[in-house]
């Protein structure tokens, strides 16, 4: 079209008049063990993402951390937009925020601790695998006796080997 374009001055190209750009600082993450109020922003088959007050990053409440009972579907417990109390769990990946609903009283925000009732347990002395336990955590099977040798099957095997 015949018009000549003007290029920006060297000062404008290098950001004169603007504050210097800072390198992206890593986003602060909530400390493990802290309890926050949050809002459910997204529901997935494996859990729900919760936005925490005061943080940009969302945390994940895994389906196993929704309630002290077995949960088949996240929608049984949560809806999008619902306000909840969550506890920040320790995470192996420092970039991810893991959360729990079952460790926090949803009416008061009180910490129920790690010993919140677990799904599937019939009583406190029973392990997650269903095995009965003593108060010290050891198996409650009673005293084990050594096996006796020389049953009829072993005698047949010895004769066949001879």
Protein backbone atom coordinates (compact mmCIF):
# COMPACT_ATOMS: atom_id res chain seq x y z
CA UNK A 1 0.00 0.00 0.00
CA UNK A 2 3.08 2.22 -0.09
CA UNK A 3 3.02 3.27 3.55
CA UNK A 4 6.16 2.87 5.51
CA UNK A 5 5.96 1.20 8.89
CA UNK A 6 7.74 2.77 11.77
CA UNK A 7 9.69 0.47 13.98
CA UNK A 8 9.67 0.94 17.71
CA UNK A 9 12.54 2.87 19.20
CA UNK A 10 15.29 0.86 20.92
CA UNK A 11 14.08 2.10 24.30
CA UNK A 12 10.51 0.97 23.59
CA UNK A 13 11.69 -2.42 22.36
CA UNK A 14 13.50 -3.03 25.66
CA UNK A 15 10.66 -1.99 27.92
CA UNK A 16 11.67 1.51 28.95
CA UNK A 17 9.14 3.08 31.25
CA UNK A 18 7.87 -0.29 32.48
CA UNK A 19 8.98 -2.11 35.60
CA UNK A 20 11.53 -4.83 34.89
CA UNK A 21 10.07 -8.29 34.30
CA UNK A 22 10.62 -10.68 37.15
CA UNK A 23 11.20 -14.35 36.66
CA UNK A 24 8.10 -16.36 37.49
CA UNK A 25 8.17 -17.11 41.19
CA UNK A 26 6.90 -20.52 42.24
CA UNK A 27 3.39 -20.31 43.61
CA UNK A 28 3.12 -20.73 47.36
CA UNK A 29 1.35 -23.94 48.35
CA UNK A 30 -0.67 -24.48 51.51
CA UNK A 31 1.19 -26.28 54.32
CA UNK A 32 0.42 -29.94 55.04
CA UNK A 33 -1.93 -30.38 57.99
CA UNK A 34 -3.61 -26.99 57.53
CA UNK A 35 -7.40 -26.79 57.31
CA UNK A 36 -9.03 -24.45 54.79
CA UNK A 37 -12.43 -23.49 53.53
CA UNK A 38 -12.75 -24.23 49.83
CA UNK A 39 -15.19 -24.50 46.97
CA UNK A 40 -15.67 -27.52 44.69
CA UNK A 41 -14.80 -26.32 41.19
CA UNK A 42 -14.77 -29.58 39.24
CA UNK A 43 -15.89 -33.17 39.74
CA UNK A 44 -14.15 -36.11 38.05
CA UNK A 45 -14.69 -39.88 38.43
CA UNK A 46 -11.58 -40.15 40.65
CA UNK A 47 -12.31 -37.18 42.94
CA UNK A 48 -13.01 -33.45 43.07
CA UNK A 49 -10.90 -30.34 42.56
CA UNK A 50 -11.31 -27.71 45.26
CA UNK A 51 -10.28 -24.04 45.10
CA UNK A 52 -8.78 -22.97 48.43
CA UNK A 53 -9.38 -19.51 49.84
CA UNK A 54 -6.20 -17.46 49.39
CA UNK A 55 -4.50 -19.76 46.84
CA UNK A 56 -4.58 -19.85 43.05
CA UNK A 57 -3.79 -23.55 42.74
CA UNK A 58 -6.62 -26.07 43.12
CA UNK A 59 -6.23 -29.19 45.23
CA UNK A 60 -7.53 -32.70 44.58
CA UNK A 61 -9.72 -34.60 47.03
CA UNK A 62 -9.33 -38.22 45.94
CA UNK A 63 -12.53 -40.30 46.10
CA UNK A 64 -11.02 -42.30 48.99
CA UNK A 65 -10.73 -39.07 51.03
CA UNK A 66 -14.35 -37.95 50.60
CA UNK A 67 -16.01 -39.80 53.47
CA UNK A 68 -15.32 -42.41 56.16
CA UNK A 69 -17.43 -44.88 54.18
CA UNK A 70 -17.00 -46.36 50.71
CA UNK A 71 -18.05 -43.89 48.03
CA UNK A 72 -19.05 -45.28 44.63
CA UNK A 73 -19.49 -41.92 42.92
CA UNK A 74 -18.13 -38.48 43.82
CA UNK A 75 -21.59 -37.03 43.17
CA UNK A 76 -22.90 -39.02 46.19
CA UNK A 77 -21.00 -36.60 48.44
CA UNK A 78 -20.26 -33.38 46.51
CA UNK A 79 -21.71 -30.99 43.96
CA UNK A 80 -19.92 -28.30 41.95
CA UNK A 81 -19.98 -24.96 43.75
CA UNK A 82 -20.36 -26.56 47.18
CA UNK A 83 -18.37 -25.00 50.04
CA UNK A 84 -16.38 -27.54 52.07
CA UNK A 85 -13.74 -27.80 54.78
CA UNK A 86 -10.57 -29.60 53.65
CA UNK A 87 -7.30 -30.67 55.24
CA UNK A 88 -4.06 -30.45 53.25
CA UNK A 89 -2.34 -33.84 53.11
CA UNK A 90 1.38 -34.43 52.68
CA UNK A 91 2.13 -34.98 49.00
CA UNK A 92 4.97 -36.86 47.31
CA UNK A 93 4.83 -34.38 44.44
CA UNK A 94 5.54 -30.85 45.72
CA UNK A 95 3.64 -29.33 42.77
CA UNK A 96 0.37 -31.09 43.69
CA UNK A 97 -2.01 -30.30 46.52
CA UNK A 98 -3.74 -33.35 48.04
CA UNK A 99 -6.78 -32.74 50.22
CA UNK A 100 -9.09 -34.69 52.52
CA UNK A 101 -12.71 -34.08 53.48
CA UNK A 102 -13.01 -37.12 55.74
CA UNK A 103 -10.39 -35.81 58.18
CA UNK A 104 -12.36 -32.60 58.84
CA UNK A 105 -15.73 -32.14 60.56
CA UNK A 106 -17.77 -30.52 57.78
CA UNK A 107 -20.05 -28.61 60.15
CA UNK A 108 -17.35 -27.04 62.37
CA UNK A 109 -14.06 -27.33 60.44
CA UNK A 110 -12.52 -29.21 63.38
CA UNK A 111 -9.59 -31.53 62.64
CA UNK A 112 -10.60 -35.17 63.07
CA UNK A 113 -6.97 -36.20 62.61
CA UNK A 114 -5.49 -39.16 60.80
CA UNK A 115 -7.57 -41.51 62.90
CA UNK A 116 -10.83 -40.48 61.28
CA UNK A 117 -12.97 -43.59 60.78
CA UNK A 118 -11.90 -45.55 57.73
CA UNK A 119 -14.27 -47.15 55.32
CA UNK A 120 -14.75 -50.88 55.67
CA UNK A 121 -13.47 -51.15 59.26
CA UNK A 122 -15.82 -53.02 61.53
CA UNK A 123 -14.05 -51.95 64.71
CA UNK A 124 -10.90 -50.13 65.83
CA UNK A 125 -8.99 -53.39 66.45
CA UNK A 126 -9.44 -54.53 62.85
CA UNK A 127 -6.91 -53.82 60.11
CA UNK A 128 -7.79 -52.34 56.72
CA UNK A 129 -7.32 -55.79 55.21
CA UNK A 130 -10.00 -57.20 57.57
CA UNK A 131 -7.54 -59.10 59.77
CA UNK A 132 -8.24 -58.87 63.51
CA UNK A 133 -5.56 -56.94 65.43
CA UNK A 134 -4.47 -56.58 69.03
CA UNK A 135 -4.33 -53.13 70.64
CA UNK A 136 -0.59 -52.90 69.77
CA UNK A 137 -1.36 -53.50 66.08
CA UNK A 138 -0.11 -57.10 65.98
CA UNK A 139 -2.24 -59.81 64.40
CA UNK A 140 -4.75 -61.39 66.79
CA UNK A 141 -4.55 -64.92 65.42
CA UNK A 142 -3.36 -66.49 68.65
CA UNK A 143 -0.19 -68.51 69.14
CA UNK A 144 1.02 -70.37 66.07
CA UNK A 145 2.13 -73.97 66.51
CA UNK A 146 4.78 -75.59 64.30
CA UNK A 147 3.51 -77.93 61.59
CA UNK A 148 3.84 -81.60 62.28
CA UNK A 149 5.70 -83.65 59.71
CA UNK A 150 4.86 -87.12 58.54
CA UNK A 151 1.28 -86.82 57.35
CA UNK A 152 -0.07 -89.39 54.84
CA UNK A 153 0.77 -87.20 51.81
CA UNK A 154 4.43 -86.87 52.85
CA UNK A 155 4.74 -90.63 53.37
CA UNK A 156 3.47 -91.25 49.81
CA UNK A 157 5.96 -88.68 48.44
CA UNK A 158 8.85 -90.32 50.34
CA UNK A 159 7.91 -93.79 49.00
CA UNK A 160 7.69 -92.46 45.43
CA UNK A 161 11.12 -90.83 45.74
CA UNK A 162 12.76 -94.08 46.96
